Amino acid sequence: MKSLVLEILSRAAGKRVEPGEQLDVTFDYAMIHDGSVVLAAQYIEERGVRELCRPDRAFLIFDHIWPPNTERTAEIHRRSREFGQQYGLRFYEGGSGICHQIILEDQTVQVGSLLAGGDSHTPTIGARGSLGIGFGAMDMANILTAGTTWLKIPEIIRLNLKGELPEGVMAKDVALGIAGTFGTDFATYRAIEFANDHSFTLSGKAVLCNMATEFGAKTAVFLPPDWDDAGGDTVVSIDFDLDELEPLVALPHSVGNVQSASSVSKRIDVAVVGTCTGGRMEDFRAAAEEMEGSAVAPHVRLLICPASRRVYQDLCREGLAEFFVNAGATVLPPSCGPCLGMHTGVLAAGEVCISTANRNFVGRMGSKSAEIFLASPATVGRSAVEGMVAAPSCPRRGHWKGERRSVPRPSDEDAKPPEAILKDIGFDADRNRIWRFGDHVDTDQIISGKYLRTTDKAVWAEHAFEAVCPEFRRDVRPGDVIVAGENFGCGSSREQAAIALKLCGIRAIIARSYGRIFYRNSINVGLELFSSAA
């Protein structure tokens, strides 16, 4: 087989690359947003950098907290604007839309190019045949300054999407089906190449490439229909049958906790159609069709969040904005909206939300006791009028089995058990404590999105693990160690998570595996990580 990912990375490295190599690559484009620019700008200014590398190819997009909801947020925006103006970045003001949608619409990023983004869902651009890789703030500062950074070349997974989408099944159902079948870390430090170009629109491809982050992938891309597969690249090829799908729902608190939508019966308080995995025109058309002219259930708040100003204008032109408003919905400004729990739709304690967003972690959209169900726009539209999680119109119901399948990966024969690593680093059990966590501890659990409004690092440390381990901040001591399972630090690119643990005095983290961006962020802030045997 021949890998498109390796072709692009080889060009960026100036030599033929192979999975497992670690080397410097040059990026063609860069993107940061109002959630990632603050720390990146701070690093750049502290170094006294006067000019950035190719600022005409660097995007600054306000989307995460728009419009500003506090004076502190407004101040962050003001300083970020000044940074963008000073260094000549391509600036998109708040209200333009979500960064991933803007990059798709702008079309500056050429097919086959390499994009670095200060956001974990940067792989969305794979829908257009380019590679997007997410990074934390310090890495983005380096890339903006020098145009390069080091990469470990990923293994390649060829995900063959076999068959056709059944009626009523959308790309979001495919993404949830993949997570429910293979898990949420099967692609950690790997790249996914989707094969089956003809079954998906550009919007559908964007959803799958975006959601690949929730499988642990470093990046993802759709192969073009005329892709010449003759070559000798090492590729792990797996098949996924579209014909067997039906509308699906991810239950709290994991994208991989998937069931058939028809098997779930849960009263909801909030329904969200929008964000970067459900805020495009085909998404709103699907939701409107399922609502069938019915009003939103009296106890439900339906939030409509267009992915961009262009989408919002199309909503108005087609009469869908008026349709949703007349049905009882609230149309929000083009932005990330309520997805990350910072603005425009925060959930209260005990509330239940069904959303087209990409994550449903504990505390992701507000209260740690709120519950988030993830689904397609069609399922969310039907649920909004039914007042509970409800399957959309679809001939297939109750057939999806969701049987788990494993994806082979090489084992680390040199990995030691946690006890041996503790001995190696001289851990003193009489003076310090071991904090034990399970699998898939995400960065929302480490530091909630609501604390990203501040640049005060002490605040991040003060609220570390607040939602899942409130005694941590009270009892943690310098020199303590965290021992965890698989995929520690998965989720967001927020560097604040690593910084918070470092400031709490954590000596080291010992886990079986790590979220890729958290791993890099920890290296950058001097937080020691060790990989352990099972």
Protein backbone atom coordinates (compact mmCIF):
# COMPACT_ATOMS: atom_id res chain seq x y z
CA MET A 1 0.00 0.00 0.00
CA LYS A 2 0.94 3.64 -0.35
CA SER A 3 0.19 6.08 2.46
CA LEU A 4 -0.98 9.64 1.75
CA VAL A 5 0.00 10.63 5.29
CA LEU A 6 3.58 9.45 4.78
CA GLU A 7 3.72 11.16 1.39
CA ILE A 8 2.78 14.52 2.94
CA LEU A 9 5.07 14.11 5.94
CA SER A 10 7.96 13.06 3.70
CA ARG A 11 7.61 16.25 1.71
CA ALA A 12 7.47 18.27 4.94
CA ALA A 13 10.60 16.53 6.26
CA GLY A 14 12.55 16.79 3.02
CA LYS A 15 13.23 13.05 3.02
CA ARG A 16 11.41 9.75 2.93
CA VAL A 17 10.03 9.05 6.41
CA GLU A 18 8.97 5.84 8.12
CA PRO A 19 6.68 5.23 11.12
CA GLY A 20 8.56 5.54 14.41
CA GLU A 21 11.13 8.05 13.18
CA GLN A 22 11.51 11.27 15.15
CA LEU A 23 12.59 14.28 13.12
CA ASP A 24 11.85 17.91 12.33
CA VAL A 25 9.18 18.81 9.77
CA THR A 26 8.20 22.12 8.20
CA PHE A 27 4.57 23.19 8.35
CA ASP A 28 2.85 24.99 5.48
CA TYR A 29 0.22 26.72 7.62
CA ALA A 30 -0.56 27.44 11.27
CA MET A 31 -3.78 28.22 13.15
CA ILE A 32 -4.52 29.40 16.70
CA HIS A 33 -7.70 30.60 18.35
CA ASP A 34 -8.70 32.69 21.35
CA GLY A 35 -8.32 29.66 23.61
CA SER A 36 -4.76 28.85 22.55
CA VAL A 37 -3.26 32.19 21.51
CA VAL A 38 -2.81 33.59 25.03
CA LEU A 39 -0.08 31.21 26.19
CA ALA A 40 1.50 31.02 22.73
CA ALA A 41 1.72 34.82 22.57
CA GLN A 42 3.22 34.90 26.06
CA TYR A 43 5.95 32.44 25.07
CA ILE A 44 6.72 34.42 21.90
CA GLU A 45 6.86 37.77 23.66
CA GLU A 46 9.02 36.42 26.50
CA ARG A 47 11.59 35.35 23.93
CA GLY A 48 11.69 38.81 22.40
CA VAL A 49 10.67 37.53 18.95
CA ARG A 50 10.11 40.42 16.54
CA GLU A 51 8.90 38.58 13.47
CA LEU A 52 7.05 35.33 12.88
CA CYS A 53 7.77 32.83 10.17
CA ARG A 54 5.30 33.39 7.30
CA PRO A 55 2.57 35.25 9.23
CA ASP A 56 0.54 35.42 6.01
CA ARG A 57 0.06 31.65 6.42
CA ALA A 58 -0.93 31.85 10.08
CA PHE A 59 -4.58 32.19 11.14
CA LEU A 60 -5.87 33.73 14.36
CA ILE A 61 -9.57 32.97 14.85
CA PHE A 62 -11.82 33.99 17.76
CA ASP A 63 -14.36 31.21 18.33
CA HIS A 64 -14.10 29.60 21.76
CA ILE A 65 -15.63 32.33 23.93
CA TRP A 66 -17.69 34.56 21.69
CA PRO A 67 -19.05 37.07 22.41
CA PRO A 68 -16.94 37.77 25.53
CA ASN A 69 -18.89 36.78 28.63
CA THR A 70 -16.75 38.53 31.25
CA GLU A 71 -14.50 41.55 31.49
CA ARG A 72 -11.56 39.16 31.86
CA THR A 73 -12.47 37.40 28.60
CA ALA A 74 -12.83 40.73 26.82
CA GLU A 75 -9.37 41.70 28.04
CA ILE A 76 -7.92 38.42 26.72
CA HIS A 77 -9.52 39.16 23.36
CA ARG A 78 -8.14 42.71 23.33
CA ARG A 79 -4.61 41.53 24.04
CA SER A 80 -4.91 38.73 21.48
CA ARG A 81 -6.07 41.17 18.79
CA GLU A 82 -3.09 43.38 19.50
CA PHE A 83 -0.79 40.37 19.24
CA GLY A 84 -2.29 39.41 15.89
CA GLN A 85 -1.98 42.94 14.56
CA GLN A 86 1.59 43.32 15.80
CA TYR A 87 2.76 40.14 14.08
CA GLY A 88 0.56 40.33 10.98
CA LEU A 89 -1.53 37.19 11.41
CA ARG A 90 -4.57 36.49 9.24
CA PHE A 91 -7.28 37.49 11.68
CA TYR A 92 -10.90 36.34 11.80
CA GLU A 93 -12.93 38.30 14.33
CA GLY A 94 -15.40 36.63 16.65
CA GLY A 95 -18.62 35.74 14.89
CA SER A 96 -16.80 34.58 11.76
CA GLY A 97 -17.15 30.99 12.88
CA ILE A 98 -15.35 27.99 14.35
CA CYS A 99 -11.68 27.74 13.41
CA HIS A 100 -12.02 24.34 11.73
CA GLN A 101 -14.92 25.49 9.58
CA ILE A 102 -13.14 28.74 8.69
CA ILE A 103 -10.08 26.79 7.53
CA LEU A 104 -12.33 24.63 5.34
CA GLU A 105 -14.20 27.61 3.88
CA ASP A 106 -11.15 29.83 3.41
CA GLN A 107 -9.55 27.27 1.07
CA THR A 108 -6.11 28.83 1.50
CA VAL A 109 -4.79 25.54 2.89
CA GLN A 110 -3.99 23.59 -0.25
CA VAL A 111 -4.61 19.88 -0.83
CA GLY A 112 -1.61 17.87 0.30
CA SER A 113 -0.28 20.54 2.67
CA LEU A 114 0.50 20.36 6.40
CA LEU A 115 -1.36 22.47 8.97
CA ALA A 116 -0.37 22.95 12.62
CA GLY A 117 -3.21 24.02 14.90
CA GLY A 118 -3.51 25.04 18.53
CA ASP A 119 -6.54 22.78 18.90
CA SER A 120 -6.88 19.03 19.19
CA HIS A 121 -9.45 18.84 16.38
CA THR A 122 -7.13 20.37 13.76
CA PRO A 123 -7.33 17.07 11.75
CA THR A 124 -10.71 18.33 10.44
CA ILE A 125 -8.87 19.70 7.37
CA GLY A 126 -8.29 16.08 6.32
CA ALA A 127 -11.69 16.36 4.67
CA ARG A 128 -9.96 18.35 1.93
CA GLY A 129 -7.00 16.00 1.57
CA SER A 130 -4.58 17.95 3.77
CA LEU A 131 -3.03 16.96 7.10
CA GLY A 132 -3.85 18.85 10.27
CA ILE A 133 -2.04 18.13 13.55
CA GLY A 134 -2.99 19.63 16.91
CA PHE A 135 -0.46 21.03 19.40
CA GLY A 136 -0.27 22.82 22.73
CA ALA A 137 0.70 26.46 23.18
CA MET A 138 4.49 26.11 23.47
CA ASP A 139 4.69 23.97 20.35
CA MET A 140 2.53 26.50 18.51
CA ALA A 141 4.84 29.30 19.63
CA ASN A 142 7.77 27.38 18.17
CA ILE A 143 5.95 26.69 14.90
CA LEU A 144 4.78 30.29 14.53
CA THR A 145 8.33 31.48 15.18
CA ALA A 146 10.38 28.97 13.20
CA GLY A 147 7.88 27.14 10.99
CA THR A 148 9.10 23.76 12.21
CA THR A 149 8.91 21.35 15.13
CA TRP A 150 9.79 17.74 15.87
CA LEU A 151 7.38 14.93 15.12
CA LYS A 152 7.29 11.24 15.75
CA ILE A 153 6.10 9.76 12.48
CA PRO A 154 2.88 7.85 13.21
CA GLU A 155 1.89 4.36 12.25
CA ILE A 156 -0.81 4.32 9.59
CA ILE A 157 -4.30 2.83 9.90
CA ARG A 158 -6.29 2.43 6.69
CA LEU A 159 -9.94 2.48 7.76
CA ASN A 160 -11.94 1.01 4.87
CA LEU A 161 -15.54 2.22 5.14
CA LYS A 162 -17.35 -0.56 3.33
CA GLY A 163 -20.79 -0.28 1.75
CA GLU A 164 -23.18 2.67 1.81
CA LEU A 165 -24.85 4.74 4.53
CA PRO A 166 -28.34 3.43 5.30
CA GLU A 167 -31.24 5.87 5.16
CA GLY A 168 -31.31 8.11 8.25
CA VAL A 169 -27.68 7.40 9.17
CA MET A 170 -25.23 10.33 9.19
CA ALA A 171 -21.46 10.74 9.43
CA LYS A 172 -21.75 11.32 13.19
CA ASP A 173 -23.31 7.86 13.53
CA VAL A 174 -20.34 6.43 11.64
CA ALA A 175 -17.92 8.16 14.02
CA LEU A 176 -19.78 6.89 17.07
CA GLY A 177 -19.95 3.42 15.54
CA ILE A 178 -16.18 3.40 15.06
CA ALA A 179 -15.59 4.54 18.65
CA GLY A 180 -18.07 1.99 19.95
CA THR A 181 -16.41 -0.80 17.98
CA PHE A 182 -12.70 -0.08 18.31
CA GLY A 183 -12.58 2.13 21.42
CA THR A 184 -11.34 5.65 22.03
CA ASP A 185 -7.60 4.97 21.96
CA PHE A 186 -7.10 2.47 19.14
CA ALA A 187 -5.43 5.17 17.03
CA THR A 188 -3.24 6.77 19.71
CA TYR A 189 -0.07 8.10 18.06
CA ARG A 190 -1.36 6.76 14.76
CA ALA A 191 -2.80 8.41 11.68
CA ILE A 192 -6.05 7.35 10.03
CA GLU A 193 -6.61 7.24 6.30
CA PHE A 194 -10.32 6.92 5.48
CA ALA A 195 -11.07 5.00 2.29
CA ASN A 196 -14.51 5.52 0.71
CA ASP A 197 -14.65 9.00 -0.72
CA HIS A 198 -17.96 8.64 -2.58
CA SER A 199 -20.26 7.95 0.39
CA PHE A 200 -19.60 11.25 2.19
CA THR A 201 -20.03 14.93 1.50
CA LEU A 202 -17.34 17.41 2.49
CA SER A 203 -19.30 18.03 5.71
CA GLY A 204 -19.44 14.32 6.47
CA LYS A 205 -15.72 13.93 5.86
CA ALA A 206 -15.06 16.86 8.17
CA VAL A 207 -17.04 15.17 10.94
CA LEU A 208 -15.06 11.93 10.63
CA CYS A 209 -11.66 13.61 10.46
CA ASN A 210 -12.61 15.78 13.44
CA MET A 211 -13.85 12.81 15.47
CA ALA A 212 -10.66 10.86 14.69
CA THR A 213 -9.18 12.88 17.56
CA GLU A 214 -11.62 11.04 19.83
CA PHE A 215 -10.07 7.77 18.64
CA GLY A 216 -6.66 9.05 19.76
CA ALA A 217 -5.41 9.79 16.24
CA LYS A 218 -2.56 12.20 15.58
CA THR A 219 -4.16 13.14 12.28
CA ALA A 220 -6.68 11.86 9.74
CA VAL A 221 -7.34 12.30 6.04
CA PHE A 222 -9.72 11.05 3.36
CA LEU A 223 -8.00 9.38 0.44
CA PRO A 224 -9.00 10.84 -2.94
CA PRO A 225 -11.12 8.60 -5.20
CA ASP A 226 -8.26 8.23 -7.70
CA TRP A 227 -5.63 7.34 -5.09
CA ASP A 228 -2.91 5.08 -6.51
CA ASP A 229 -2.30 2.55 -3.75
CA ALA A 230 0.74 0.94 -5.34
CA GLY A 231 3.57 1.16 -2.85
CA GLY A 232 5.44 -0.54 -0.05
CA ASP A 233 4.34 1.45 3.00
CA THR A 234 3.45 -0.43 6.16
CA VAL A 235 -0.26 0.11 6.74
CA VAL A 236 -2.63 -1.58 9.20
CA SER A 237 -5.81 -2.13 7.19
CA ILE A 238 -9.17 -2.60 8.93
CA ASP A 239 -12.71 -2.73 7.58
CA PHE A 240 -15.82 -1.08 8.98
CA ASP A 241 -19.23 -1.95 7.55
CA LEU A 242 -21.50 1.04 6.93
CA ASP A 243 -24.44 -1.14 5.89
CA GLU A 244 -24.87 -2.42 9.46
CA LEU A 245 -25.19 1.04 11.03
CA GLU A 246 -28.23 2.79 12.45
CA PRO A 247 -28.68 6.02 14.45
CA LEU A 248 -26.42 5.80 17.50
CA VAL A 249 -25.90 7.64 20.77
CA ALA A 250 -22.81 7.96 22.96
CA LEU A 251 -23.83 7.83 26.61
CA PRO A 252 -22.08 9.69 29.44
CA HIS A 253 -19.19 10.03 29.96
CA SER A 254 -17.32 8.55 26.99
CA VAL A 255 -17.48 8.84 23.22
CA GLY A 256 -16.97 5.08 23.14
CA ASN A 257 -19.98 4.29 25.36
CA VAL A 258 -22.26 3.74 22.38
CA GLN A 259 -25.74 2.28 22.02
CA SER A 260 -28.47 2.28 19.42
CA ALA A 261 -30.52 5.49 19.73
CA SER A 262 -33.72 3.43 19.72
CA SER A 263 -32.58 1.58 22.86
CA VAL A 264 -32.11 4.73 24.95
CA SER A 265 -34.95 6.40 26.83
CA LYS A 266 -33.84 9.44 28.79
CA ARG A 267 -35.58 12.75 29.48
CA ILE A 268 -33.50 15.72 28.31
CA ASP A 269 -33.28 19.37 29.33
CA VAL A 270 -31.08 20.74 26.54
CA ALA A 271 -30.56 19.86 22.88
CA VAL A 272 -27.67 21.32 20.87
CA VAL A 273 -27.40 21.26 17.07
CA GLY A 274 -24.14 22.89 16.04
CA THR A 275 -20.40 23.02 16.78
CA CYS A 276 -17.66 21.71 14.48
CA THR A 277 -19.29 18.27 14.24
CA GLY A 278 -22.88 19.32 13.64
CA GLY A 279 -23.13 22.98 12.62
CA ARG A 280 -23.23 22.84 8.82
CA MET A 281 -26.19 23.17 6.47
CA GLU A 282 -26.78 19.47 5.91
CA ASP A 283 -26.84 19.08 9.71
CA PHE A 284 -29.51 21.73 10.19
CA ARG A 285 -31.57 20.38 7.31
CA ALA A 286 -31.49 16.91 8.87
CA ALA A 287 -32.54 18.25 12.27
CA ALA A 288 -35.35 20.34 10.77
CA GLU A 289 -36.65 17.38 8.78
CA GLU A 290 -36.88 15.28 11.93
CA MET A 291 -38.72 18.04 13.78
CA GLU A 292 -41.41 17.93 11.06
CA GLY A 293 -42.79 21.34 11.92
CA SER A 294 -43.33 20.38 15.58
CA ALA A 295 -42.46 22.70 18.43
CA VAL A 296 -39.62 21.99 20.79
CA ALA A 297 -40.86 20.12 23.87
CA PRO A 298 -41.89 22.62 26.59
CA HIS A 299 -39.21 21.52 29.05
CA VAL A 300 -36.39 21.46 26.46
CA ARG A 301 -34.02 24.27 25.45
CA LEU A 302 -32.91 23.80 21.83
CA LEU A 303 -29.72 25.67 20.93
CA ILE A 304 -28.76 26.18 17.29
CA CYS A 305 -25.09 27.01 16.78
CA PRO A 306 -23.95 27.62 13.16
CA ALA A 307 -20.35 26.67 12.42
CA SER A 308 -19.70 29.92 10.54
CA ARG A 309 -21.20 33.22 9.46
CA ARG A 310 -21.58 31.78 5.97
CA VAL A 311 -23.63 28.89 7.38
CA TYR A 312 -25.71 31.36 9.42
CA GLN A 313 -26.44 33.36 6.27
CA ASP A 314 -27.49 30.18 4.47
CA LEU A 315 -29.77 29.33 7.40
CA CYS A 316 -31.46 32.68 6.95
CA ARG A 317 -31.69 32.38 3.16
CA GLU A 318 -33.30 28.94 3.34
CA GLY A 319 -35.71 30.02 6.08
CA LEU A 320 -34.28 27.53 8.56
CA ALA A 321 -33.31 30.19 11.08
CA GLU A 322 -36.94 31.34 11.18
CA PHE A 323 -38.10 27.72 11.31
CA PHE A 324 -35.99 26.97 14.39
CA VAL A 325 -36.94 30.21 16.15
CA ASN A 326 -40.63 29.59 15.50
CA ALA A 327 -40.21 26.09 16.92
CA GLY A 328 -38.86 27.57 20.15
CA ALA A 329 -35.10 27.32 19.60
CA THR A 330 -32.43 29.91 20.33
CA VAL A 331 -29.98 30.65 17.52
CA LEU A 332 -26.49 31.39 18.86
CA PRO A 333 -23.66 33.36 17.24
CA PRO A 334 -21.34 31.32 14.99
CA SER A 335 -18.85 29.93 17.50
CA CYS A 336 -17.93 26.86 19.53
CA GLY A 337 -20.99 27.69 21.61
CA PRO A 338 -21.73 25.49 24.63
CA CYS A 339 -19.39 22.64 23.61
CA LEU A 340 -16.58 23.36 26.08
CA GLY A 341 -18.69 24.64 28.96
CA MET A 342 -17.49 28.24 28.95
CA HIS A 343 -20.37 30.16 27.39
CA THR A 344 -23.84 30.15 25.75
CA GLY A 345 -25.42 27.06 27.26
CA VAL A 346 -23.62 25.88 30.40
CA LEU A 347 -25.37 22.96 32.10
CA ALA A 348 -26.60 23.06 35.69
CA ALA A 349 -26.29 20.23 38.20
CA GLY A 350 -28.26 17.17 37.15
CA GLU A 351 -29.25 18.50 33.73
CA VAL A 352 -29.22 16.22 30.69
CA CYS A 353 -28.12 17.36 27.25
CA ILE A 354 -28.11 15.69 23.86
CA SER A 355 -25.62 17.32 21.52
CA THR A 356 -23.96 17.04 18.12
CA ALA A 357 -20.63 18.06 19.71
CA ASN A 358 -17.60 15.78 19.86
CA ARG A 359 -17.06 15.22 23.60
CA ASN A 360 -19.18 14.21 26.58
CA PHE A 361 -16.59 14.10 29.37
CA VAL A 362 -17.48 14.69 33.01
CA GLY A 363 -18.05 18.44 33.52
CA ARG A 364 -17.39 19.17 29.85
CA MET A 365 -20.39 21.51 29.43
CA GLY A 366 -20.73 22.76 32.99
CA SER A 367 -21.68 20.90 36.15
CA LYS A 368 -19.84 17.68 36.89
CA SER A 369 -23.19 16.05 37.66
CA ALA A 370 -24.68 16.98 34.27
CA GLU A 371 -24.98 14.27 31.62
CA ILE A 372 -24.13 14.67 27.93
CA PHE A 373 -25.36 12.34 25.19
CA LEU A 374 -23.74 12.66 21.76
CA ALA A 375 -25.69 12.00 18.57
CA SER A 376 -26.26 13.03 14.98
CA PRO A 377 -28.21 16.20 14.07
CA ALA A 378 -31.14 14.04 12.98
CA THR A 379 -31.26 12.29 16.35
CA VAL A 380 -30.92 15.57 18.24
CA GLY A 381 -33.71 17.16 16.17
CA ARG A 382 -36.07 14.29 16.90
CA SER A 383 -35.11 14.28 20.59
CA ALA A 384 -35.77 18.03 20.91
CA VAL A 385 -39.44 17.65 19.98
CA GLU A 386 -39.93 14.35 21.81
CA GLY A 387 -38.39 15.75 25.00
CA MET A 388 -36.22 12.69 25.44
CA VAL A 389 -33.49 10.81 23.61
CA ALA A 390 -35.27 9.49 20.54
CA ALA A 391 -34.18 7.80 17.32
CA PRO A 392 -34.86 9.60 14.03
CA SER A 393 -36.72 8.12 11.10
CA CYS A 394 -34.71 5.14 9.94
CA PRO A 395 -35.65 1.69 8.62
CA ARG A 396 -32.90 0.13 10.75
CA ARG A 397 -33.57 0.10 14.48
CA GLY A 398 -32.29 -2.13 17.23
CA HIS A 399 -29.93 -4.12 15.00
CA TRP A 400 -26.57 -2.58 15.87
CA LYS A 401 -24.61 -4.97 18.05
CA GLY A 402 -21.59 -2.84 18.80
CA GLU A 403 -19.27 -5.79 19.24
CA ARG A 404 -15.80 -4.70 20.31
CA ARG A 405 -12.90 -5.35 17.97
CA SER A 406 -9.25 -4.78 18.72
CA VAL A 407 -6.71 -3.19 16.41
CA PRO A 408 -3.27 -4.83 16.63
CA ARG A 409 -0.38 -2.70 17.79
CA PRO A 410 3.19 -3.50 18.83
CA SER A 411 3.84 -3.93 22.54
CA ASP A 412 6.55 -2.09 24.45
CA GLU A 413 8.74 -4.93 25.69
CA ASP A 414 10.94 -2.55 27.69
CA ALA A 415 8.07 -1.16 29.77
CA LYS A 416 8.35 -1.81 33.51
CA PRO A 417 5.55 -2.20 36.07
CA PRO A 418 4.71 0.95 38.09
CA GLU A 419 6.38 -0.43 41.23
CA ALA A 420 9.72 -0.78 39.43
CA ILE A 421 9.48 2.75 38.02
CA LEU A 422 8.68 4.15 41.47
CA LYS A 423 11.81 2.46 42.80
CA ASP A 424 13.90 3.78 39.88
CA ILE A 425 12.90 7.40 40.53
CA GLY A 426 13.49 7.12 44.27
CA PHE A 427 9.90 7.61 45.36
CA ASP A 428 9.63 8.00 49.13
CA ALA A 429 6.40 6.34 50.25
CA ASP A 430 6.84 7.62 53.80
CA ARG A 431 6.80 11.27 52.75
CA ASN A 432 4.68 11.29 49.60
CA ARG A 433 1.47 9.90 48.21
CA ILE A 434 0.57 7.94 45.08
CA TRP A 435 -2.58 9.27 43.39
CA ARG A 436 -4.22 6.45 41.46
CA PHE A 437 -6.50 6.99 38.47
CA GLY A 438 -8.02 4.66 35.91
CA ASP A 439 -8.14 4.72 32.12
CA HIS A 440 -8.99 7.67 29.87
CA VAL A 441 -8.44 10.52 32.32
CA ASP A 442 -9.09 13.48 30.04
CA THR A 443 -7.82 17.04 30.22
CA ASP A 444 -11.31 18.32 31.11
CA GLN A 445 -11.05 16.26 34.28
CA ILE A 446 -7.59 17.65 35.02
CA ILE A 447 -8.61 21.29 34.50
CA SER A 448 -12.13 22.36 33.54
CA GLY A 449 -12.61 24.59 30.51
CA LYS A 450 -14.20 27.29 32.65
CA TYR A 451 -10.78 28.07 34.13
CA LEU A 452 -9.23 28.74 30.74
CA ARG A 453 -10.61 32.29 30.89
CA THR A 454 -7.73 33.29 33.12
CA THR A 455 -3.98 33.51 32.52
CA ASP A 456 -3.28 33.09 36.25
CA LYS A 457 -1.47 29.75 36.47
CA ALA A 458 -2.09 29.52 40.20
CA VAL A 459 -5.83 29.28 39.46
CA TRP A 460 -5.24 26.27 37.22
CA ALA A 461 -3.30 24.50 39.97
CA GLU A 462 -5.93 25.41 42.56
CA HIS A 463 -8.66 23.64 40.58
CA ALA A 464 -6.79 20.57 39.33
CA PHE A 465 -9.00 17.45 39.31
CA GLU A 466 -11.77 19.49 40.91
CA ALA A 467 -14.63 17.59 39.23
CA VAL A 468 -13.40 14.03 39.80
CA CYS A 469 -11.06 14.13 42.82
CA PRO A 470 -11.78 17.18 44.99
CA GLU A 471 -9.39 16.05 47.74
CA PHE A 472 -6.45 16.15 45.30
CA ARG A 473 -5.78 19.87 45.60
CA ARG A 474 -6.31 19.82 49.35
CA ASP A 475 -3.92 16.95 50.06
CA VAL A 476 -1.37 16.89 47.24
CA ARG A 477 2.25 17.51 48.23
CA PRO A 478 5.38 18.31 46.23
CA GLY A 479 6.94 15.01 45.24
CA ASP A 480 3.66 13.08 44.89
CA VAL A 481 3.23 10.74 41.93
CA ILE A 482 0.24 9.91 39.73
CA VAL A 483 -0.23 6.28 38.61
CA ALA A 484 -2.86 5.72 35.94
CA GLY A 485 -4.03 3.36 33.22
CA GLU A 486 -4.46 3.82 29.49
CA ASN A 487 -4.71 7.10 27.59
CA PHE A 488 -3.98 9.52 30.43
CA GLY A 489 -4.44 13.14 29.32
CA CYS A 490 -6.64 12.42 26.32
CA GLY A 491 -8.90 15.13 24.93
CA SER A 492 -8.19 18.82 24.58
CA SER A 493 -4.86 20.40 23.58
CA ARG A 494 -4.97 22.67 26.66
CA GLU A 495 -1.45 23.02 28.00
CA GLN A 496 -3.00 24.26 31.23
CA ALA A 497 -3.56 20.64 32.29
CA ALA A 498 0.15 19.81 32.32
CA ILE A 499 1.02 23.18 33.87
CA ALA A 500 -1.53 22.67 36.66
CA LEU A 501 -0.07 19.29 37.66
CA LYS A 502 3.47 20.64 37.49
CA LEU A 503 2.56 23.56 39.77
CA CYS A 504 0.86 21.17 42.20
CA GLY A 505 4.27 19.59 42.70
CA ILE A 506 3.63 16.29 40.93
CA ARG A 507 7.00 14.55 40.68
CA ALA A 508 6.03 12.24 37.82
CA ILE A 509 3.15 10.46 36.11
CA ILE A 510 3.28 6.73 35.46
CA ALA A 511 0.67 5.45 33.01
CA ARG A 512 0.31 2.69 30.46
CA SER A 513 -0.22 5.24 27.68
CA TYR A 514 -0.87 8.95 27.18
CA GLY A 515 -2.90 11.30 25.06
CA ARG A 516 -0.49 12.53 22.39
CA ILE A 517 -0.81 16.30 22.93
CA PHE A 518 -0.72 15.99 26.72
CA TYR A 519 2.48 13.97 26.33
CA ARG A 520 4.11 16.77 24.31
CA ASN A 521 2.80 19.47 26.61
CA SER A 522 4.24 17.68 29.63
CA ILE A 523 7.65 17.46 28.00
CA ASN A 524 7.49 21.17 27.25
CA VAL A 525 6.66 22.20 30.83
CA GLY A 526 9.10 19.77 32.47
CA LEU A 527 6.59 17.25 33.84
CA GLU A 528 8.13 13.77 33.84
CA LEU A 529 6.14 10.95 32.24
CA PHE A 530 6.89 7.22 32.37
CA SER A 531 5.17 4.49 30.36
CA SER A 532 4.46 1.38 32.40
CA ALA A 533 3.59 -2.23 31.68
CA ALA A 534 0.02 -3.35 32.22
